[in-house]
Amino acid sequence: MAATCCRASATPRFASQLSHKYAQLNVRAVQTDLEQNHGRKVARSYIQHVAEWVGNIAAAKEEDWAYDLPRLDAGIATVVVSLDGAMIPMADSDGWREAMVGAVSFYDHDGERQHTIYLAAAPEYGKHAFTERLAREIARAKQHYPDARWLGIADGAASNWAFLEQHTERQLIDFFHATEYIGKLAQARYPQRSAEAKRAAWQHAHCNRLKHDPGALDALIAEAAQLSRRTSLSQKAREDAYSAWTYFNNHRHRMDYPGCLADNLPIGSGVTEAACKSLVKQRLCAAGMRWKNNGARIVLSLRALTNTVGRWNQFWQKIDQYGAECFG
């Protein structure tokens, strides 16, 4: 590997350390960590420069560089594709905008997750560019595991299903999103303030039934219809019940939780929910933070690489292979 790798004359190893730390921490925290744990006093401007230089390479090469899957000892029976959005505070819009997060997860025959590929995209670059990247990851994974079952899991957004129906043979509404609507029915069923215990018990019982009983969905739809017409309830309670009725009706073909569990398939997009928190919220939504589009793009590109097992090393191998100076 070349002796230096950027205009700031950082060695490749130090550039890797700085940008990895910057993916996890703000620049002030990186500076403190370097001084306290490594005995190195480094200017914040230098840290920022090197990390942004590396991050710009990562972001620029997302469409061009393909990364190898790790060797997985367990046989892969199922690949799950999930995607979601997370709101981040933007400096140029005086508000919050949606960053996209996706995951391609590999499960063995016992339903145990063996590996996950993470992707993230800043708001400026739009959902279309993000889904194109996700589609490329899916295509490469299908080459590796042509016999695997492909399951798409997401919340109720129509754009999610338009994408997932193209790339997966089976789709499922995230179970935990569905339980939010059971919670609305529980509130309408027991609206009294003193009925908190009854609401919780009713919600728990019906969530468990939806997970295991094929007849549970029809029962919930009937309950929602009845509650939405109950004149003794407040308007909000009736509206919430009606929204649950609409949600369950619209997505009933994507809510076969008993069947998925019987086939050792996951029923929740917890991997993506966790990614929204770990990739986006923890780093980009701290108090007082405001992001420009390119800054958010750099950090999300770095975090996706560092959170996907094996990719950080591959990324630096590609810099070694192609030469860093042409990206400076």
Protein backbone atom coordinates (compact mmCIF):
# COMPACT_ATOMS: atom_id res chain seq x y z
CA MET A 1 0.00 0.00 0.00
CA ALA A 2 1.22 3.48 -0.79
CA ALA A 3 3.04 5.34 1.96
CA THR A 4 0.51 8.17 2.00
CA CYS A 5 -3.09 8.18 0.91
CA CYS A 6 -4.42 11.71 0.86
CA ARG A 7 -3.56 15.34 0.54
CA ALA A 8 -3.30 15.51 4.32
CA SER A 9 -0.45 12.95 4.11
CA ALA A 10 -2.00 10.46 6.52
CA THR A 11 -0.71 6.92 6.25
CA PRO A 12 -3.34 4.44 5.06
CA ARG A 13 -3.46 2.85 8.50
CA PHE A 14 -3.99 6.17 10.26
CA ALA A 15 -6.57 7.27 7.67
CA SER A 16 -8.43 4.02 8.29
CA GLN A 17 -8.33 4.56 12.06
CA LEU A 18 -9.49 8.17 11.82
CA SER A 19 -12.35 7.49 9.40
CA HIS A 20 -13.50 4.42 11.33
CA LYS A 21 -13.61 6.44 14.53
CA TYR A 22 -15.35 9.32 12.76
CA ALA A 23 -18.01 6.90 11.53
CA GLN A 24 -18.82 6.18 15.18
CA LEU A 25 -18.12 9.50 16.92
CA ASN A 26 -18.27 13.23 16.30
CA VAL A 27 -15.00 14.99 15.56
CA ARG A 28 -14.57 16.30 19.12
CA ALA A 29 -14.97 12.79 20.54
CA VAL A 30 -12.50 11.38 17.99
CA GLN A 31 -9.95 14.01 19.03
CA THR A 32 -10.42 13.11 22.71
CA ASP A 33 -10.15 9.39 22.02
CA LEU A 34 -6.92 9.81 20.07
CA GLU A 35 -5.33 11.87 22.82
CA GLN A 36 -6.50 9.83 25.81
CA ASN A 37 -6.21 6.32 24.37
CA HIS A 38 -3.46 6.66 21.75
CA GLY A 39 -1.38 9.56 23.04
CA ARG A 40 -1.83 11.52 19.80
CA LYS A 41 -2.82 15.17 19.67
CA VAL A 42 -4.56 15.76 16.36
CA ALA A 43 -6.32 18.91 15.18
CA ARG A 44 -10.04 18.61 14.58
CA SER A 45 -9.65 20.10 11.12
CA TYR A 46 -7.19 17.33 10.22
CA ILE A 47 -9.53 14.61 11.51
CA GLN A 48 -12.40 16.15 9.56
CA HIS A 49 -10.34 16.45 6.40
CA VAL A 50 -9.09 12.86 6.41
CA ALA A 51 -12.44 11.36 7.40
CA GLU A 52 -14.26 13.34 4.71
CA TRP A 53 -11.67 12.35 2.14
CA VAL A 54 -12.14 8.66 2.93
CA GLY A 55 -15.92 9.05 3.17
CA ASN A 56 -16.07 10.73 -0.23
CA ILE A 57 -14.30 7.74 -1.75
CA ALA A 58 -16.73 5.37 -0.04
CA ALA A 59 -19.74 7.36 -1.25
CA ALA A 60 -18.41 7.83 -4.78
CA LYS A 61 -17.66 4.15 -5.24
CA GLU A 62 -20.91 2.73 -3.84
CA GLU A 63 -22.20 2.11 -7.36
CA ASP A 64 -18.94 0.72 -8.77
CA TRP A 65 -17.32 -1.42 -6.11
CA ALA A 66 -18.76 -4.85 -5.34
CA TYR A 67 -17.87 -6.53 -2.06
CA ASP A 68 -17.55 -10.26 -1.50
CA LEU A 69 -19.82 -12.06 0.92
CA PRO A 70 -18.02 -13.68 3.86
CA ARG A 71 -17.66 -17.44 3.96
CA LEU A 72 -20.69 -18.69 5.90
CA ASP A 73 -20.26 -22.14 7.41
CA ALA A 74 -23.99 -22.69 7.92
CA GLY A 75 -26.15 -23.40 4.89
CA ILE A 76 -28.28 -20.41 3.91
CA ALA A 77 -31.95 -21.26 3.53
CA THR A 78 -33.53 -17.81 3.56
CA VAL A 79 -32.53 -14.29 2.59
CA VAL A 80 -34.59 -11.44 4.02
CA VAL A 81 -34.70 -8.00 2.44
CA SER A 82 -35.99 -5.13 4.55
CA LEU A 83 -35.95 -1.36 4.22
CA ASP A 84 -37.10 1.60 6.24
CA GLY A 85 -36.54 5.32 6.70
CA ALA A 86 -35.14 7.39 9.55
CA MET A 87 -35.52 11.14 9.95
CA ILE A 88 -32.41 13.26 10.41
CA PRO A 89 -32.05 17.01 11.15
CA MET A 90 -30.90 18.93 8.08
CA ALA A 91 -29.13 22.28 8.11
CA ASP A 92 -30.22 23.36 4.64
CA SER A 93 -33.95 22.77 5.04
CA ASP A 94 -34.63 23.93 8.60
CA GLY A 95 -36.27 20.62 9.32
CA TRP A 96 -36.03 16.85 9.27
CA ARG A 97 -35.73 14.70 6.17
CA GLU A 98 -35.74 10.97 5.62
CA ALA A 99 -32.59 8.91 5.20
CA MET A 100 -33.05 5.38 3.89
CA VAL A 101 -31.75 2.22 5.54
CA GLY A 102 -31.79 -1.28 4.09
CA ALA A 103 -30.64 -4.73 5.12
CA VAL A 104 -30.08 -8.02 3.34
CA SER A 105 -29.94 -10.74 5.99
CA PHE A 106 -28.94 -14.38 5.57
CA TYR A 107 -30.59 -17.11 7.69
CA ASP A 108 -29.74 -20.77 8.10
CA HIS A 109 -32.22 -23.68 8.07
CA ASP A 110 -32.94 -23.19 11.78
CA GLY A 111 -33.87 -19.55 11.26
CA GLU A 112 -30.67 -18.19 12.81
CA ARG A 113 -29.23 -15.05 11.22
CA GLN A 114 -25.69 -15.59 9.94
CA HIS A 115 -24.82 -12.31 8.23
CA THR A 116 -26.32 -8.93 7.28
CA ILE A 117 -25.40 -6.41 4.62
CA TYR A 118 -26.30 -2.84 5.61
CA LEU A 119 -26.98 0.07 3.28
CA ALA A 120 -27.84 3.68 4.04
CA ALA A 121 -28.51 6.76 1.93
CA ALA A 122 -28.73 10.45 2.77
CA PRO A 123 -31.96 12.33 1.91
CA GLU A 124 -30.62 14.28 -1.06
CA TYR A 125 -29.89 11.19 -3.08
CA GLY A 126 -33.46 9.94 -2.98
CA LYS A 127 -35.14 6.61 -2.62
CA HIS A 128 -34.64 5.66 -6.26
CA ALA A 129 -30.85 5.71 -6.05
CA PHE A 130 -31.01 3.81 -2.77
CA THR A 131 -33.27 1.07 -4.14
CA GLU A 132 -31.01 0.69 -7.17
CA ARG A 133 -28.08 0.01 -4.85
CA LEU A 134 -30.18 -2.40 -2.82
CA ALA A 135 -31.26 -4.19 -6.01
CA ARG A 136 -27.60 -4.68 -6.98
CA GLU A 137 -26.85 -6.22 -3.59
CA ILE A 138 -29.83 -8.54 -4.00
CA ALA A 139 -28.72 -9.60 -7.48
CA ARG A 140 -25.23 -10.47 -6.24
CA ALA A 141 -26.65 -12.40 -3.28
CA LYS A 142 -28.95 -14.39 -5.58
CA GLN A 143 -25.92 -15.48 -7.55
CA HIS A 144 -24.43 -16.89 -4.35
CA TYR A 145 -27.65 -18.45 -3.04
CA PRO A 146 -29.89 -19.26 -6.03
CA ASP A 147 -31.88 -21.86 -4.08
CA ALA A 148 -32.63 -19.69 -1.03
CA ARG A 149 -36.12 -18.47 -0.19
CA TRP A 150 -36.47 -14.71 -0.51
CA LEU A 151 -38.66 -12.85 1.94
CA GLY A 152 -39.37 -9.12 2.01
CA ILE A 153 -40.31 -7.46 5.30
CA ALA A 154 -41.32 -3.81 5.73
CA ASP A 155 -43.95 -1.52 7.17
CA GLY A 156 -47.05 -0.46 5.26
CA ALA A 157 -45.53 2.09 2.84
CA ALA A 158 -46.68 1.33 -0.72
CA SER A 159 -43.27 2.16 -2.23
CA ASN A 160 -41.66 -0.56 -0.10
CA TRP A 161 -43.93 -3.23 -1.53
CA ALA A 162 -43.50 -2.06 -5.11
CA PHE A 163 -39.79 -2.75 -4.65
CA LEU A 164 -40.01 -5.92 -2.58
CA GLU A 165 -42.49 -7.61 -4.90
CA GLN A 166 -39.92 -7.32 -7.69
CA HIS A 167 -37.16 -8.99 -5.72
CA THR A 168 -38.72 -11.41 -3.23
CA GLU A 169 -41.12 -14.30 -3.63
CA ARG A 170 -42.91 -13.71 -0.35
CA GLN A 171 -43.69 -10.50 1.53
CA LEU A 172 -44.63 -9.84 5.13
CA ILE A 173 -45.73 -6.81 7.10
CA ASP A 174 -43.34 -6.34 9.98
CA PHE A 175 -45.08 -7.98 12.95
CA PHE A 176 -44.21 -5.19 15.34
CA HIS A 177 -45.80 -2.59 13.09
CA ALA A 178 -48.94 -4.73 13.06
CA THR A 179 -48.99 -4.82 16.86
CA GLU A 180 -49.20 -1.02 16.94
CA TYR A 181 -52.65 -1.30 15.37
CA ILE A 182 -53.65 -3.96 17.88
CA GLY A 183 -52.68 -1.38 20.49
CA LYS A 184 -55.12 1.09 18.92
CA LEU A 185 -57.89 -1.51 19.13
CA ALA A 186 -57.01 -2.21 22.76
CA GLN A 187 -57.35 1.49 23.52
CA ALA A 188 -60.76 1.61 21.84
CA ARG A 189 -61.84 -1.63 23.53
CA TYR A 190 -60.96 -0.32 27.01
CA PRO A 191 -60.85 3.50 26.76
CA GLN A 192 -61.16 4.18 30.49
CA ARG A 193 -58.06 5.55 32.21
CA SER A 194 -58.43 2.96 34.95
CA ALA A 195 -58.39 0.08 32.43
CA GLU A 196 -54.66 0.10 31.69
CA ALA A 197 -54.18 -3.48 32.92
CA LYS A 198 -57.11 -4.73 30.83
CA ARG A 199 -55.79 -2.96 27.74
CA ALA A 200 -52.35 -4.46 28.18
CA ALA A 201 -53.73 -7.97 28.73
CA TRP A 202 -56.06 -7.68 25.72
CA GLN A 203 -53.27 -6.41 23.49
CA HIS A 204 -50.84 -9.12 24.62
CA ALA A 205 -53.39 -11.89 24.06
CA HIS A 206 -54.31 -10.70 20.57
CA CYS A 207 -50.70 -10.14 19.53
CA ASN A 208 -49.91 -13.69 20.58
CA ARG A 209 -52.95 -14.99 18.76
CA LEU A 210 -52.06 -13.10 15.56
CA LYS A 211 -48.62 -14.69 15.69
CA HIS A 212 -49.90 -18.27 16.05
CA ASP A 213 -53.57 -18.55 15.05
CA PRO A 214 -54.49 -18.38 11.33
CA GLY A 215 -57.98 -17.17 12.29
CA ALA A 216 -56.78 -14.26 14.39
CA LEU A 217 -56.65 -11.73 11.56
CA ASP A 218 -60.31 -12.17 10.64
CA ALA A 219 -61.24 -11.75 14.30
CA LEU A 220 -59.23 -8.51 14.54
CA ILE A 221 -60.84 -7.13 11.38
CA ALA A 222 -64.30 -7.88 12.77
CA GLU A 223 -63.37 -6.27 16.11
CA ALA A 224 -62.03 -3.18 14.35
CA ALA A 225 -65.21 -2.83 12.27
CA GLN A 226 -67.39 -3.09 15.36
CA LEU A 227 -65.35 -0.57 17.37
CA SER A 228 -65.22 1.94 14.51
CA ARG A 229 -69.05 2.10 14.58
CA ARG A 230 -69.48 2.28 18.35
CA THR A 231 -71.09 5.66 19.00
CA SER A 232 -70.23 5.60 22.70
CA LEU A 233 -66.53 5.99 21.82
CA SER A 234 -64.77 9.26 21.14
CA GLN A 235 -64.22 10.28 17.55
CA LYS A 236 -60.48 9.63 17.86
CA ALA A 237 -61.06 6.10 19.20
CA ARG A 238 -63.42 5.35 16.30
CA GLU A 239 -60.96 6.77 13.81
CA ASP A 240 -58.12 4.71 15.28
CA ALA A 241 -60.26 1.58 15.09
CA TYR A 242 -61.11 2.37 11.48
CA SER A 243 -57.43 2.89 10.64
CA ALA A 244 -56.71 -0.56 12.11
CA TRP A 245 -59.55 -2.05 10.04
CA THR A 246 -58.11 -0.44 6.90
CA TYR A 247 -54.55 -1.54 7.69
CA PHE A 248 -55.44 -5.16 8.35
CA ASN A 249 -57.68 -5.37 5.29
CA ASN A 250 -55.13 -3.81 2.96
CA HIS A 251 -52.28 -6.01 4.15
CA ARG A 252 -53.98 -9.26 5.07
CA HIS A 253 -52.18 -11.08 2.23
CA ARG A 254 -48.89 -10.03 3.86
CA MET A 255 -49.70 -11.11 7.41
CA ASP A 256 -49.26 -14.89 7.43
CA TYR A 257 -47.28 -14.95 10.66
CA PRO A 258 -48.25 -18.51 11.65
CA GLY A 259 -47.14 -19.79 8.25
CA CYS A 260 -43.82 -17.96 8.38
CA LEU A 261 -43.06 -19.21 11.88
CA ALA A 262 -43.88 -22.75 10.79
CA ASP A 263 -41.31 -22.34 7.99
CA ASN A 264 -38.62 -20.98 10.37
CA LEU A 265 -38.87 -17.53 8.81
CA PRO A 266 -38.45 -14.26 10.72
CA ILE A 267 -41.59 -12.15 11.08
CA GLY A 268 -40.10 -8.81 12.07
CA SER A 269 -37.75 -6.27 10.54
CA GLY A 270 -35.88 -5.87 13.79
CA VAL A 271 -32.57 -5.92 11.92
CA THR A 272 -33.58 -2.85 9.93
CA GLU A 273 -35.19 -1.14 12.92
CA ALA A 274 -31.93 -1.64 14.81
CA ALA A 275 -30.00 -0.36 11.79
CA CYS A 276 -32.09 2.81 11.74
CA LYS A 277 -30.98 3.41 15.30
CA SER A 278 -27.36 2.26 15.01
CA LEU A 279 -26.55 3.59 11.54
CA VAL A 280 -28.58 6.79 11.61
CA LYS A 281 -30.02 7.88 14.94
CA GLN A 282 -27.03 7.26 17.21
CA ARG A 283 -24.60 9.21 15.03
CA LEU A 284 -26.66 11.80 13.18
CA CYS A 285 -29.37 12.75 15.67
CA ALA A 286 -27.48 13.85 18.76
CA ALA A 287 -28.54 17.09 20.45
CA GLY A 288 -27.69 20.18 18.43
CA MET A 289 -26.66 18.34 15.27
CA ARG A 290 -27.65 19.65 11.83
CA TRP A 291 -26.39 18.02 8.65
CA LYS A 292 -25.69 19.13 5.13
CA ASN A 293 -26.44 16.51 2.51
CA ASN A 294 -22.85 15.66 1.68
CA GLY A 295 -21.86 15.37 5.34
CA ALA A 296 -24.74 12.99 6.01
CA ARG A 297 -23.87 11.01 2.91
CA ILE A 298 -20.24 10.61 4.00
CA VAL A 299 -21.09 9.46 7.52
CA LEU A 300 -23.78 7.03 6.36
CA SER A 301 -21.46 5.52 3.75
CA LEU A 302 -18.76 4.99 6.36
CA ARG A 303 -21.19 3.55 8.90
CA ALA A 304 -22.67 1.09 6.40
CA LEU A 305 -19.17 -0.16 5.61
CA THR A 306 -18.05 -0.45 9.23
CA ASN A 307 -21.27 -2.17 10.34
CA THR A 308 -21.21 -4.83 7.61
CA VAL A 309 -18.80 -7.56 8.65
CA GLY A 310 -15.82 -7.80 6.30
CA ARG A 311 -16.50 -4.72 4.19
CA TRP A 312 -14.21 -2.24 5.89
CA ASN A 313 -11.14 -4.36 5.13
CA GLN A 314 -12.32 -4.96 1.58
CA PHE A 315 -12.83 -1.25 1.08
CA TRP A 316 -9.21 -0.55 2.01
CA GLN A 317 -7.99 -3.41 -0.15
CA LYS A 318 -9.70 -1.73 -3.09
CA ILE A 319 -8.02 1.58 -2.29
CA ASP A 320 -4.74 -0.32 -2.24
CA GLN A 321 -5.60 -2.01 -5.53
CA TYR A 322 -6.79 1.02 -7.47
CA GLY A 323 -4.63 3.66 -5.84
CA ALA A 324 -5.82 6.39 -3.55
CA GLU A 325 -4.30 9.34 -5.33
CA CYS A 326 -6.85 9.27 -8.14
CA PHE A 327 -9.66 9.87 -5.67
CA GLY A 328 -8.06 12.74 -3.76
